[in-house]
C-alpha atoms as a PDB file:
ATOM      1  CA  MET A   1      -1.467  33.953  -0.578  1.00  0.00           C
ATOM      2  CA  MET A   2       0.574  31.867   1.750  1.00  0.00           C
ATOM      3  CA  PRO A   3       2.367  28.904   0.168  1.00  0.00           C
ATOM      4  CA  ARG A   4       2.227  25.568   2.008  1.00  0.00           C
ATOM      5  CA  SER A   5       5.276  23.609   2.955  1.00  0.00           C
ATOM      6  CA  PRO A   6       6.817  22.023   6.156  1.00  0.00           C
ATOM      7  CA  ALA A   7       9.832  24.223   5.496  1.00  0.00           C
ATOM      8  CA  LEU A   8       7.653  27.278   6.297  1.00  0.00           C
ATOM      9  CA  GLU A   9       6.046  25.850   9.460  1.00  0.00           C
ATOM     10  CA  PRO A  10       7.229  26.046  13.075  1.00  0.00           C
ATOM     11  CA  LEU A  11       9.223  23.038  14.243  1.00  0.00           C
ATOM     12  CA  PRO A  12       7.261  20.313  16.033  1.00  0.00           C
ATOM     13  CA  ASP A  13       8.375  19.642  19.588  1.00  0.00           C
ATOM     14  CA  ARG A  14      10.376  16.486  19.253  1.00  0.00           C
ATOM     15  CA  GLU A  15      13.972  15.225  19.334  1.00  0.00           C
ATOM     16  CA  TYR A  16      16.385  16.164  16.476  1.00  0.00           C
ATOM     17  CA  PRO A  17      19.930  14.905  16.006  1.00  0.00           C
ATOM     18  CA  GLU A  18      22.555  17.190  17.662  1.00  0.00           C
ATOM     19  CA  PHE A  19      19.823  19.819  18.145  1.00  0.00           C
ATOM     20  CA  ASP A  20      21.234  21.169  21.424  1.00  0.00           C
ATOM     21  CA  VAL A  21      24.000  22.738  19.274  1.00  0.00           C
ATOM     22  CA  VAL A  22      23.044  22.287  15.619  1.00  0.00           C
ATOM     23  CA  LEU A  23      19.978  24.175  14.490  1.00  0.00           C
ATOM     24  CA  TYR A  24      19.755  23.291  10.788  1.00  0.00           C
ATOM     25  CA  SER A  25      21.639  21.388   8.132  1.00  0.00           C
ATOM     26  CA  THR A  26      20.973  22.730   4.629  1.00  0.00           C
ATOM     27  CA  LEU A  27      22.010  21.658   1.085  1.00  0.00           C
ATOM     28  CA  ARG A  28      21.559  22.919  -2.429  1.00  0.00           C
ATOM     29  CA  LEU A  29      22.090  21.574  -5.936  1.00  0.00           C
ATOM     30  CA  ASP A  30      22.553  24.145  -8.765  1.00  0.00           C
ATOM     31  CA  ARG A  31      21.589  23.108 -12.317  1.00  0.00           C
ATOM     32  CA  ASN A  32      21.510  24.723 -15.760  1.00  0.00           C
ATOM     33  CA  MET A  33      19.496  23.574 -18.784  1.00  0.00           C
ATOM     34  CA  ALA A  34      21.433  22.128 -21.725  1.00  0.00           C
ATOM     35  CA  SER A  35      19.481  23.786 -24.473  1.00  0.00           C
ATOM     36  CA  LEU A  36      19.435  27.403 -23.191  1.00  0.00           C
ATOM     37  CA  ARG A  37      21.843  30.184 -22.291  1.00  0.00           C
ATOM     38  CA  PHE A  38      22.607  31.003 -18.672  1.00  0.00           C
ATOM     39  CA  PRO A  39      19.924  33.251 -17.065  1.00  0.00           C
ATOM     40  CA  TRP A  40      22.167  36.300 -16.933  1.00  0.00           C
ATOM     41  CA  GLN A  41      22.801  35.955 -20.720  1.00  0.00           C
ATOM     42  CA  ALA A  42      19.275  35.103 -21.820  1.00  0.00           C
ATOM     43  CA  GLY A  43      16.668  37.481 -23.081  1.00  0.00           C
ATOM     44  CA  ASP A  44      13.113  37.679 -21.867  1.00  0.00           C
ATOM     45  CA  GLU A  45      11.797  35.154 -24.423  1.00  0.00           C
ATOM     46  CA  GLU A  46      14.455  32.634 -23.582  1.00  0.00           C
ATOM     47  CA  LEU A  47      13.865  33.095 -19.765  1.00  0.00           C
ATOM     48  CA  MET A  48      10.172  32.487 -20.271  1.00  0.00           C
ATOM     49  CA  GLU A  49      11.000  29.285 -22.255  1.00  0.00           C
ATOM     50  CA  ALA A  50      13.226  28.161 -19.410  1.00  0.00           C
ATOM     51  CA  LEU A  51      10.553  28.984 -16.813  1.00  0.00           C
ATOM     52  CA  ALA A  52       7.853  26.973 -18.650  1.00  0.00           C
ATOM     53  CA  ALA A  53      10.178  23.964 -18.830  1.00  0.00           C
ATOM     54  CA  LEU A  54      11.204  24.308 -15.182  1.00  0.00           C
ATOM     55  CA  CYS A  55       7.602  24.525 -14.021  1.00  0.00           C
ATOM     56  CA  ARG A  56       6.785  21.341 -15.926  1.00  0.00           C
ATOM     57  CA  ALA A  57       9.827  19.735 -14.384  1.00  0.00           C
ATOM     58  CA  ALA A  58       8.834  20.913 -10.890  1.00  0.00           C
ATOM     59  CA  ARG A  59       5.376  19.457 -11.214  1.00  0.00           C
ATOM     60  CA  ALA A  60       6.958  16.148 -12.248  1.00  0.00           C
ATOM     61  CA  ALA A  61       8.816  16.245  -8.915  1.00  0.00           C
ATOM     62  CA  ASN A  62       5.565  17.033  -7.026  1.00  0.00           C
ATOM     63  CA  LEU A  63       6.503  20.695  -6.365  1.00  0.00           C
ATOM     64  CA  ALA A  64       3.954  23.508  -6.613  1.00  0.00           C
ATOM     65  CA  CYS A  65       5.154  26.619  -8.522  1.00  0.00           C
ATOM     66  CA  TYR A  66       4.570  30.169  -7.408  1.00  0.00           C
ATOM     67  CA  GLU A  67       5.380  33.672  -8.664  1.00  0.00           C
ATOM     68  CA  ILE A  68       6.732  36.225  -6.238  1.00  0.00           C
ATOM     69  CA  GLU A  69       4.077  38.728  -7.530  1.00  0.00           C
ATOM     70  CA  GLU A  70       1.178  36.501  -6.358  1.00  0.00           C
ATOM     71  CA  ILE A  71       2.211  36.175  -2.732  1.00  0.00           C
ATOM     72  CA  GLY A  72       1.858  38.836  -0.059  1.00  0.00           C
ATOM     73  CA  PRO A  73       4.456  40.704   1.989  1.00  0.00           C
ATOM     74  CA  GLU A  74       4.033  38.411   5.032  1.00  0.00           C
ATOM     75  CA  ALA A  75       4.723  35.338   2.960  1.00  0.00           C
ATOM     76  CA  ARG A  76       7.743  36.898   1.268  1.00  0.00           C
ATOM     77  CA  SER A  77       9.146  37.818   4.668  1.00  0.00           C
ATOM     78  CA  LEU A  78       8.588  34.289   5.927  1.00  0.00           C
ATOM     79  CA  LEU A  79      10.362  32.867   2.883  1.00  0.00           C
ATOM     80  CA  ALA A  80      13.394  35.067   3.617  1.00  0.00           C
ATOM     81  CA  GLU A  81      13.479  34.679   7.365  1.00  0.00           C
ATOM     82  CA  ARG A  82      13.302  30.890   7.153  1.00  0.00           C
ATOM     83  CA  GLY A  83      16.175  30.931   4.634  1.00  0.00           C
ATOM     84  CA  LEU A  84      14.334  29.540   1.674  1.00  0.00           C
ATOM     85  CA  LEU A  85      14.876  32.551  -0.656  1.00  0.00           C
ATOM     86  CA  SER A  86      17.222  35.559  -0.484  1.00  0.00           C
ATOM     87  CA  ARG A  87      15.808  39.052   0.006  1.00  0.00           C
ATOM     88  CA  ALA A  88      17.288  40.010  -3.390  1.00  0.00           C
ATOM     89  CA  PHE A  89      15.191  37.194  -4.910  1.00  0.00           C
ATOM     90  CA  ILE A  90      11.899  38.055  -3.281  1.00  0.00           C
ATOM     91  CA  ILE A  91      11.921  41.747  -4.239  1.00  0.00           C
ATOM     92  CA  ASP A  92      11.841  40.739  -7.934  1.00  0.00           C
ATOM     93  CA  GLU A  93       8.115  40.139  -8.526  1.00  0.00           C
ATOM     94  CA  GLU A  94       8.819  38.325 -11.813  1.00  0.00           C
ATOM     95  CA  LYS A  95      10.838  35.557 -10.071  1.00  0.00           C
ATOM     96  CA  HIS A  96       9.357  32.068  -9.637  1.00  0.00           C
ATOM     97  CA  PHE A  97       9.987  29.320  -7.138  1.00  0.00           C
ATOM     98  CA  ALA A  98       8.555  25.919  -6.225  1.00  0.00           C
ATOM     99  CA  LEU A  99       7.721  24.233  -2.939  1.00  0.00           C
ATOM    100  CA  SER A 100       6.907  20.753  -1.760  1.00  0.00           C
ATOM    101  CA  ALA A 101       3.695  20.653   0.273  1.00  0.00           C
ATOM    102  CA  GLU A 102       4.886  17.492   2.101  1.00  0.00           C
ATOM    103  CA  GLN A 103       8.680  17.811   2.497  1.00  0.00           C
ATOM    104  CA  ARG A 104      11.272  20.371   3.497  1.00  0.00           C
ATOM    105  CA  LEU A 105      12.186  20.766  -0.183  1.00  0.00           C
ATOM    106  CA  TRP A 106      12.026  23.783  -2.529  1.00  0.00           C
ATOM    107  CA  ALA A 107      13.513  25.260  -5.709  1.00  0.00           C
ATOM    108  CA  SER A 108      14.227  28.677  -7.102  1.00  0.00           C
ATOM    109  CA  PHE A 109      14.332  29.507 -10.869  1.00  0.00           C
ATOM    110  CA  ASN A 110      16.256  31.767 -13.210  1.00  0.00           C
ATOM    111  CA  ASP A 111      18.503  33.320 -10.588  1.00  0.00           C
ATOM    112  CA  ALA A 112      22.296  32.664 -10.748  1.00  0.00           C
ATOM    113  CA  CYS A 113      21.459  29.474 -12.587  1.00  0.00           C
ATOM    114  CA  HIS A 114      18.380  28.022 -14.180  1.00  0.00           C
ATOM    115  CA  CYS A 115      17.425  25.953 -11.159  1.00  0.00           C
ATOM    116  CA  SER A 116      18.583  25.678  -7.520  1.00  0.00           C
ATOM    117  CA  LEU A 117      17.175  22.801  -5.536  1.00  0.00           C
ATOM    118  CA  HIS A 118      17.221  23.102  -1.785  1.00  0.00           C
ATOM    119  CA  ALA A 119      16.396  21.022   1.292  1.00  0.00           C
ATOM    120  CA  ASN A 120      17.025  21.400   4.992  1.00  0.00           C
ATOM    121  CA  ALA A 121      16.348  19.579   8.242  1.00  0.00           C
ATOM    122  CA  PRO A 122      16.452  20.613  11.890  1.00  0.00           C
ATOM    123  CA  GLY A 123      19.499  19.305  13.653  1.00  0.00           C
ATOM    124  CA  LEU A 124      22.318  17.531  11.825  1.00  0.00           C
ATOM    125  CA  GLU A 125      20.476  15.333   9.280  1.00  0.00           C
ATOM    126  CA  PHE A 126      21.864  15.385   5.727  1.00  0.00           C
ATOM    127  CA  ASP A 127      20.780  11.857   4.710  1.00  0.00           C
ATOM    128  CA  ARG A 128      17.120  12.593   4.355  1.00  0.00           C
ATOM    129  CA  SER A 129      17.705  15.969   2.724  1.00  0.00           C
ATOM    130  CA  TRP A 130      20.037  14.375   0.213  1.00  0.00           C
ATOM    131  CA  GLU A 131      17.523  11.745  -0.659  1.00  0.00           C
ATOM    132  CA  LEU A 132      14.882  14.388  -1.267  1.00  0.00           C
ATOM    133  CA  VAL A 133      17.113  16.652  -3.354  1.00  0.00           C
ATOM    134  CA  SER A 134      18.640  13.792  -5.337  1.00  0.00           C
ATOM    135  CA  LYS A 135      15.226  12.393  -6.288  1.00  0.00           C
ATOM    136  CA  ALA A 136      13.915  15.786  -7.223  1.00  0.00           C
ATOM    137  CA  ASP A 137      17.033  16.379  -9.273  1.00  0.00           C
ATOM    138  CA  ASP A 138      16.425  13.146 -11.238  1.00  0.00           C
ATOM    139  CA  ASP A 139      12.780  13.834 -11.711  1.00  0.00           C
ATOM    140  CA  MET A 140      13.327  17.425 -12.846  1.00  0.00           C
ATOM    141  CA  GLY A 141      16.325  16.593 -15.023  1.00  0.00           C
ATOM    142  CA  ALA A 142      14.303  13.972 -16.928  1.00  0.00           C
ATOM    143  CA  VAL A 143      12.006  16.838 -18.067  1.00  0.00           C
ATOM    144  CA  ALA A 144      14.256  19.907 -18.123  1.00  0.00           C
ATOM    145  CA  GLY A 145      17.501  18.325 -19.382  1.00  0.00           C
ATOM    146  CA  TRP A 146      20.447  19.467 -17.311  1.00  0.00           C
ATOM    147  CA  ALA A 147      23.705  20.648 -18.872  1.00  0.00           C
ATOM    148  CA  PHE A 148      26.299  17.929 -18.096  1.00  0.00           C
ATOM    149  CA  ASP A 149      29.736  17.050 -19.288  1.00  0.00           C
ATOM    150  CA  PRO A 150      31.339  13.652 -18.544  1.00  0.00           C
ATOM    151  CA  ILE A 151      34.579  15.297 -17.512  1.00  0.00           C
ATOM    152  CA  ALA A 152      33.511  18.679 -16.118  1.00  0.00           C
ATOM    153  CA  GLY A 153      30.324  17.507 -14.448  1.00  0.00           C
ATOM    154  CA  TYR A 154      27.231  19.808 -14.227  1.00  0.00           C
ATOM    155  CA  ILE A 155      27.863  22.944 -16.247  1.00  0.00           C
ATOM    156  CA  HIS A 156      27.849  26.451 -14.683  1.00  0.00           C
ATOM    157  CA  SER A 157      28.749  29.873 -16.034  1.00  0.00           C
ATOM    158  CA  ASP A 158      31.729  30.023 -13.653  1.00  0.00           C
ATOM    159  CA  ALA A 159      34.008  27.193 -14.673  1.00  0.00           C
ATOM    160  CA  SER A 160      35.294  26.749 -11.090  1.00  0.00           C
ATOM    161  CA  ARG A 161      31.788  25.726  -9.976  1.00  0.00           C
ATOM    162  CA  CYS A 162      31.449  22.947 -12.531  1.00  0.00           C
ATOM    163  CA  GLY A 163      31.171  19.560 -10.915  1.00  0.00           C
ATOM    164  CA  SER A 164      28.504  18.225  -8.586  1.00  0.00           C
ATOM    165  CA  GLY A 165      26.815  21.632  -8.113  1.00  0.00           C
ATOM    166  CA  LEU A 166      26.499  20.882  -4.391  1.00  0.00           C
ATOM    167  CA  SER A 167      26.526  23.432  -1.640  1.00  0.00           C
ATOM    168  CA  ALA A 168      25.849  22.644   2.048  1.00  0.00           C
ATOM    169  CA  SER A 169      25.963  24.330   5.383  1.00  0.00           C
ATOM    170  CA  VAL A 170      25.326  23.696   9.058  1.00  0.00           C
ATOM    171  CA  SER A 171      24.065  26.408  11.484  1.00  0.00           C
ATOM    172  CA  LEU A 172      25.418  26.199  15.047  1.00  0.00           C
ATOM    173  CA  HIS A 173      24.558  27.740  18.371  1.00  0.00           C
ATOM    174  CA  LEU A 174      27.838  28.178  20.307  1.00  0.00           C
ATOM    175  CA  PRO A 175      27.372  30.370  23.400  1.00  0.00           C
ATOM    176  CA  ALA A 176      29.779  28.397  25.640  1.00  0.00           C
ATOM    177  CA  LEU A 177      32.623  28.579  23.136  1.00  0.00           C
ATOM    178  CA  VAL A 178      32.039  32.345  22.998  1.00  0.00           C
ATOM    179  CA  MET A 179      31.951  32.582  26.830  1.00  0.00           C
ATOM    180  CA  ALA A 180      35.163  30.515  27.024  1.00  0.00           C
ATOM    181  CA  GLY A 181      36.852  32.729  24.523  1.00  0.00           C
ATOM    182  CA  ILE A 182      37.876  29.794  22.233  1.00  0.00           C
ATOM    183  CA  VAL A 183      35.413  30.075  19.430  1.00  0.00           C
ATOM    184  CA  ASP A 184      38.065  31.775  17.233  1.00  0.00           C
ATOM    185  CA  ALA A 185      40.517  28.945  17.705  1.00  0.00           C
ATOM    186  CA  VAL A 186      37.819  26.335  16.897  1.00  0.00           C
ATOM    187  CA  PHE A 187      36.898  28.083  13.717  1.00  0.00           C
ATOM    188  CA  ARG A 188      40.460  28.637  12.646  1.00  0.00           C
ATOM    189  CA  ARG A 189      40.805  24.824  12.570  1.00  0.00           C
ATOM    190  CA  ALA A 190      37.609  24.539  10.515  1.00  0.00           C
ATOM    191  CA  MET A 191      38.920  27.055   8.000  1.00  0.00           C
ATOM    192  CA  GLU A 192      42.278  25.311   7.876  1.00  0.00           C
ATOM    193  CA  ALA A 193      40.324  22.142   6.919  1.00  0.00           C
ATOM    194  CA  GLY A 194      38.884  24.096   3.964  1.00  0.00           C
ATOM    195  CA  PHE A 195      35.439  25.032   5.276  1.00  0.00           C
ATOM    196  CA  ILE A 196      33.818  28.458   5.078  1.00  0.00           C
ATOM    197  CA  VAL A 197      32.823  30.042   8.481  1.00  0.00           C
ATOM    198  CA  GLU A 198      30.175  32.703   8.880  1.00  0.00           C
ATOM    199  CA  GLY A 199      29.488  34.577  12.084  1.00  0.00           C
ATOM    200  CA  SER A 200      32.414  36.250  13.764  1.00  0.00           C
ATOM    201  CA  TYR A 201      34.343  35.847  10.522  1.00  0.00           C
ATOM    202  CA  ALA A 202      31.479  36.801   8.196  1.00  0.00           C
ATOM    203  CA  ALA A 203      31.883  39.619   5.707  1.00  0.00           C
ATOM    204  CA  LYS A 204      28.124  40.195   5.816  1.00  0.00           C
ATOM    205  CA  ALA A 205      27.574  40.784   9.513  1.00  0.00           C
ATOM    206  CA  ALA A 206      28.923  39.904  12.940  1.00  0.00           C
ATOM    207  CA  SER A 207      27.370  37.018  14.811  1.00  0.00           C
ATOM    208  CA  GLN A 208      24.194  37.721  16.891  1.00  0.00           C
ATOM    209  CA  GLY A 209      22.928  35.280  19.454  1.00  0.00           C
ATOM    210  CA  SER A 210      26.154  33.200  19.194  1.00  0.00           C
ATOM    211  CA  LEU A 211      24.918  31.786  15.899  1.00  0.00           C
ATOM    212  CA  TYR A 212      27.479  30.649  13.342  1.00  0.00           C
ATOM    213  CA  SER A 213      27.645  28.390  10.304  1.00  0.00           C
ATOM    214  CA  ILE A 214      30.179  26.257   8.504  1.00  0.00           C
ATOM    215  CA  ALA A 215      29.823  25.443   4.853  1.00  0.00           C
ATOM    216  CA  LEU A 216      31.504  23.582   2.031  1.00  0.00           C
ATOM    217  CA  PRO A 217      33.645  25.805  -0.187  1.00  0.00           C
ATOM    218  CA  ALA A 218      32.072  26.628  -3.533  1.00  0.00           C
ATOM    219  CA  PRO A 219      34.212  24.416  -5.840  1.00  0.00           C
ATOM    220  CA  TYR A 220      34.083  21.089  -3.971  1.00  0.00           C
ATOM    221  CA  ARG A 221      35.284  18.076  -5.896  1.00  0.00           C
ATOM    222  CA  GLU A 222      34.530  15.129  -3.643  1.00  0.00           C
ATOM    223  CA  PRO A 223      31.442  12.969  -4.388  1.00  0.00           C
ATOM    224  CA  GLU A 224      28.317  14.389  -2.846  1.00  0.00           C
ATOM    225  CA  ARG A 225      27.797  11.918  -0.009  1.00  0.00           C
ATOM    226  CA  ALA A 226      31.507  12.063   0.927  1.00  0.00           C
ATOM    227  CA  SER A 227      31.349  15.849   1.014  1.00  0.00           C
ATOM    228  CA  LEU A 228      28.315  15.928   3.206  1.00  0.00           C
ATOM    229  CA  GLU A 229      29.775  13.345   5.561  1.00  0.00           C
ATOM    230  CA  ARG A 230      32.984  15.412   5.868  1.00  0.00           C
ATOM    231  CA  LEU A 231      30.954  18.505   6.716  1.00  0.00           C
ATOM    232  CA  ALA A 232      28.774  16.570   9.164  1.00  0.00           C
ATOM    233  CA  LYS A 233      31.868  15.072  10.904  1.00  0.00           C
ATOM    234  CA  THR A 234      33.290  18.603  11.383  1.00  0.00           C
ATOM    235  CA  ALA A 235      29.958  19.884  12.700  1.00  0.00           C
ATOM    236  CA  ARG A 236      29.790  16.983  15.211  1.00  0.00           C
ATOM    237  CA  LEU A 237      33.348  17.817  16.391  1.00  0.00           C
ATOM    238  CA  ILE A 238      32.484  21.488  16.940  1.00  0.00           C
ATOM    239  CA  ALA A 239      29.212  20.396  18.677  1.00  0.00           C
ATOM    240  CA  GLU A 240      31.300  18.245  21.002  1.00  0.00           C
ATOM    241  CA  TYR A 241      33.634  21.199  21.752  1.00  0.00           C
ATOM    242  CA  GLU A 242      30.586  23.271  22.646  1.00  0.00           C
ATOM    243  CA  ARG A 243      29.168  20.623  24.979  1.00  0.00           C
ATOM    244  CA  ARG A 244      32.521  20.248  26.720  1.00  0.00           C
ATOM    245  CA  ALA A 245      32.779  23.993  27.181  1.00  0.00           C
ATOM    246  CA  ARG A 246      29.202  24.063  28.618  1.00  0.00           C
ATOM    247  CA  ALA A 247      30.097  21.303  31.024  1.00  0.00           C
ATOM    248  CA  ASP A 248      33.384  22.913  31.987  1.00  0.00           C
ATOM    249  CA  ILE A 249      31.809  26.304  32.730  1.00  0.00           C
ATOM    250  CA  MET A 250      28.996  24.686  34.641  1.00  0.00           C
ATOM    251  CA  GLY A 251      31.431  22.734  36.715  1.00  0.00           C
ATOM    252  CA  ARG A 252      33.949  25.511  37.286  1.00  0.00           C
ATOM    253  CA  SER A 253      31.789  28.608  37.567  1.00  0.00           C
ATOM    254  CA  PRO A 254      28.087  27.682  37.303  1.00  0.00           C
ATOM    255  CA  TRP A 255      26.998  31.177  38.151  1.00  0.00           C
ATOM    256  CA  ASP A 256      28.236  32.403  34.779  1.00  0.00           C
ATOM    257  CA  ILE A 257      25.623  30.228  32.951  1.00  0.00           C
ATOM    258  CA  LEU A 258      23.005  30.759  35.595  1.00  0.00           C
ATOM    259  CA  ASP A 259      23.463  34.547  35.288  1.00  0.00           C
ATOM    260  CA  LEU A 260      23.284  34.424  31.500  1.00  0.00           C
ATOM    261  CA  ALA A 261      20.160  32.261  31.479  1.00  0.00           C
ATOM    262  CA  GLY A 262      18.634  34.230  34.346  1.00  0.00           C
ATOM    263  CA  ARG A 263      19.219  37.632  32.715  1.00  0.00           C
ATOM    264  CA  ALA A 264      17.777  36.304  29.432  1.00  0.00           C
ATOM    265  CA  LEU A 265      14.702  35.085  31.346  1.00  0.00           C
ATOM    266  CA  GLY A 266      14.352  38.422  33.160  1.00  0.00           C
ATOM    267  CA  GLN A 267      14.485  40.346  29.882  1.00  0.00           C
ATOM    268  CA  ALA A 268      12.055  37.955  28.180  1.00  0.00           C
ATOM    269  CA  ARG A 269       9.553  38.152  31.117  1.00  0.00           C
ATOM    270  CA  HIS A 270       9.751  41.897  31.795  1.00  0.00           C
ATOM    271  CA  ALA A 271      11.274  43.947  28.923  1.00  0.00           C
ATOM    272  CA  ARG A 272       8.957  46.435  27.272  1.00  0.00           C
ATOM    273  CA  LEU A 273      11.227  47.351  24.323  1.00  0.00           C
ATOM    274  CA  VAL A 274      13.324  44.744  22.513  1.00  0.00           C
ATOM    275  CA  SER A 275      15.322  45.371  19.341  1.00  0.00           C
ATOM    276  CA  ARG A 276      15.941  42.675  16.752  1.00  0.00           C
ATOM    277  CA  GLU A 277      19.608  42.531  17.693  1.00  0.00           C
ATOM    278  CA  GLU A 278      18.806  42.281  21.432  1.00  0.00           C
ATOM    279  CA  SER A 279      16.216  39.585  20.825  1.00  0.00           C
ATOM    280  CA  ALA A 280      18.862  37.274  19.303  1.00  0.00           C
ATOM    281  CA  ASP A 281      20.966  37.404  22.428  1.00  0.00           C
ATOM    282  CA  ILE A 282      17.911  36.917  24.664  1.00  0.00           C
ATOM    283  CA  ILE A 283      16.880  33.767  22.799  1.00  0.00           C
ATOM    284  CA  SER A 284      20.455  32.584  22.898  1.00  0.00           C
ATOM    285  CA  GLY A 285      20.491  32.765  26.718  1.00  0.00           C
ATOM    286  CA  LEU A 286      17.108  31.058  26.957  1.00  0.00           C
ATOM    287  CA  ARG A 287      18.108  28.298  24.575  1.00  0.00           C
ATOM    288  CA  LEU A 288      21.382  27.709  26.440  1.00  0.00           C
ATOM    289  CA  GLY A 289      19.521  27.518  29.789  1.00  0.00           C
ATOM    290  CA  ILE A 290      16.919  25.119  28.429  1.00  0.00           C
ATOM    291  CA  SER A 291      19.495  22.820  26.811  1.00  0.00           C
ATOM    292  CA  MET A 292      21.423  22.629  30.138  1.00  0.00           C
ATOM    293  CA  GLY A 293      18.399  22.057  32.414  1.00  0.00           C
ATOM    294  CA  VAL A 294      18.728  25.434  34.066  1.00  0.00           C
ATOM    295  CA  LEU A 295      15.425  26.715  32.641  1.00  0.00           C
ATOM    296  CA  GLU A 296      12.212  24.783  32.147  1.00  0.00           C
ATOM    297  CA  GLY A 297       8.807  25.387  30.690  1.00  0.00           C
ATOM    298  CA  MET A 298       9.754  25.733  27.067  1.00  0.00           C
ATOM    299  CA  SER A 299      11.128  23.223  24.495  1.00  0.00           C
ATOM    300  CA  LEU A 300      14.327  23.745  22.503  1.00  0.00           C
ATOM    301  CA  ALA A 301      12.285  23.769  19.287  1.00  0.00           C
ATOM    302  CA  ALA A 302       9.986  26.486  20.660  1.00  0.00           C
ATOM    303  CA  ALA A 303      12.966  28.560  21.817  1.00  0.00           C
ATOM    304  CA  SER A 304      14.622  28.216  18.471  1.00  0.00           C
ATOM    305  CA  GLU A 305      11.443  29.296  16.656  1.00  0.00           C
ATOM    306  CA  LEU A 306      11.576  32.544  18.574  1.00  0.00           C
ATOM    307  CA  TRP A 307      14.587  33.695  16.619  1.00  0.00           C
ATOM    308  CA  ILE A 308      12.370  33.718  13.530  1.00  0.00           C
ATOM    309  CA  SER A 309       9.066  34.945  15.036  1.00  0.00           C
ATOM    310  CA  LEU A 310      10.745  37.826  16.836  1.00  0.00           C
ATOM    311  CA  ARG A 311      12.585  38.983  13.676  1.00  0.00           C
ATOM    312  CA  MET A 312       9.198  38.959  11.848  1.00  0.00           C
ATOM    313  CA  GLU A 313       7.124  40.643  14.525  1.00  0.00           C
ATOM    314  CA  LYS A 314       5.855  44.052  13.668  1.00  0.00           C
ATOM    315  CA  ALA A 315       3.471  46.496  15.324  1.00  0.00           C
ATOM    316  CA  ASP A 316       0.119  47.174  13.715  1.00  0.00           C
ATOM    317  CA  ALA A 317       0.316  50.130  11.368  1.00  0.00           C
ATOM    318  CA  ASP A 318      -2.483  51.900  13.146  1.00  0.00           C
ATOM    319  CA  SER A 319      -1.408  51.286  16.686  1.00  0.00           C
ATOM    320  CA  GLY A 320       1.355  53.934  16.764  1.00  0.00           C
ATOM    321  CA  GLU A 321       3.636  51.697  18.803  1.00  0.00           C
ATOM    322  CA  PRO A 322       7.192  50.824  17.763  1.00  0.00           C
ATOM    323  CA  ASP A 323       8.060  47.327  16.507  1.00  0.00           C
ATOM    324  CA  SER A 324      10.310  46.875  19.591  1.00  0.00           C
ATOM    325  CA  GLN A 325       7.236  47.134  21.791  1.00  0.00           C
ATOM    326  CA  ALA A 326       5.347  44.521  19.821  1.00  0.00           C
ATOM    327  CA  ARG A 327       8.442  42.293  19.818  1.00  0.00           C
ATOM    328  CA  ALA A 328       8.729  42.588  23.627  1.00  0.00           C
ATOM    329  CA  ARG A 329       5.057  41.685  24.034  1.00  0.00           C
ATOM    330  CA  LEU A 330       5.430  38.581  21.918  1.00  0.00           C
ATOM    331  CA  LEU A 331       8.522  37.590  23.924  1.00  0.00           C
ATOM    332  CA  ARG A 332       6.725  38.097  27.288  1.00  0.00           C
ATOM    333  CA  ARG A 333       3.923  35.854  26.134  1.00  0.00           C
ATOM    334  CA  ALA A 334       6.247  33.106  24.841  1.00  0.00           C
ATOM    335  CA  ALA A 335       8.264  33.141  28.096  1.00  0.00           C
ATOM    336  CA  SER A 336       5.315  33.376  30.487  1.00  0.00           C
ATOM    337  CA  SER A 337       5.640  29.708  31.510  1.00  0.00           C
ATOM    338  CA  VAL A 338       9.444  29.662  31.644  1.00  0.00           C
ATOM    339  CA  CYS A 339      11.123  29.550  35.052  1.00  0.00           C
ATOM    340  CA  MET A 340      14.336  28.512  36.662  1.00  0.00           C
ATOM    341  CA  ALA A 341      14.516  24.803  37.180  1.00  0.00           C
ATOM    342  CA  LYS A 342      14.225  23.282  40.662  1.00  0.00           C
ATOM    343  CA  GLY A 343      17.531  23.590  42.399  1.00  0.00           C
ATOM    344  CA  TYR A 344      18.585  26.727  40.501  1.00  0.00           C
ATOM    345  CA  SER A 345      15.894  29.195  41.522  1.00  0.00           C
ATOM    346  CA  ASP A 346      17.883  30.692  44.385  1.00  0.00           C
ATOM    347  CA  VAL A 347      21.509  29.803  43.637  1.00  0.00           C
END
């Protein structure tokens, strides 16, 4: 069974705000129910009671509910690769979640808190996502009854997280800042301003494909819209640094960018074995070349989608070929119409 939602579908080829640098802007609201213990304290009977109430609340917000057990491995992988649910969540077959069939909106139940509402948008676009999450929060809260204190705000098991319950992040593609050797300095300023940086500074893994993210710190006390605007302002500033770095490199030593884009195109068109890690850097080079007009024949949205489709690509179980071979084949097909733009083909 494959759930339906725009959040699970490839991006349409159109313009998105700041999309040359910003891939996605994502936000989350965490909520707990007033009448029940936190999920990690509750027994099975109480968790089932919470789940029944949350599913009723989700339906009131026009979300369809699903159980992990009822969806197949491909759907689970898609949910994880597109960032809707964590891999720890999808391996628990008793977990439940909900999706909007019309909007980039979803919810997970009985994880760290009773309900986490999520929304994302391609590019830097928090306004629409906030409207979706805020309305769903009101609709679900009217049914489920969120735990709220006039002084502490929305209640969480960790007292430091009480307040708005808001989390938000922006994912960024910053190859020129990496090439210029100034990405560390840019992110130091972001961290000094109180933001969390993942990528070269991440505890989980180093950056692949020059992909990074900045996020609000967990206990953030400003009003929600003010918090989101502050994060968006910082993301715009970093995006402008990246554009300046691209323009500077192109003006000072254009062969550096032409070589990066050309090598990425060569690998995409002719490689026969491509690892997951290598594919991230290939797509990074293609995306940079497309955004700067060095490469043509593929949209930015299509190039960005390759990050996900290549991570998910696997060889047929009966074929005997390695996944890296299937990944390379998919990449060759996707890049078959890509070429160096006129004026750059023999520079």
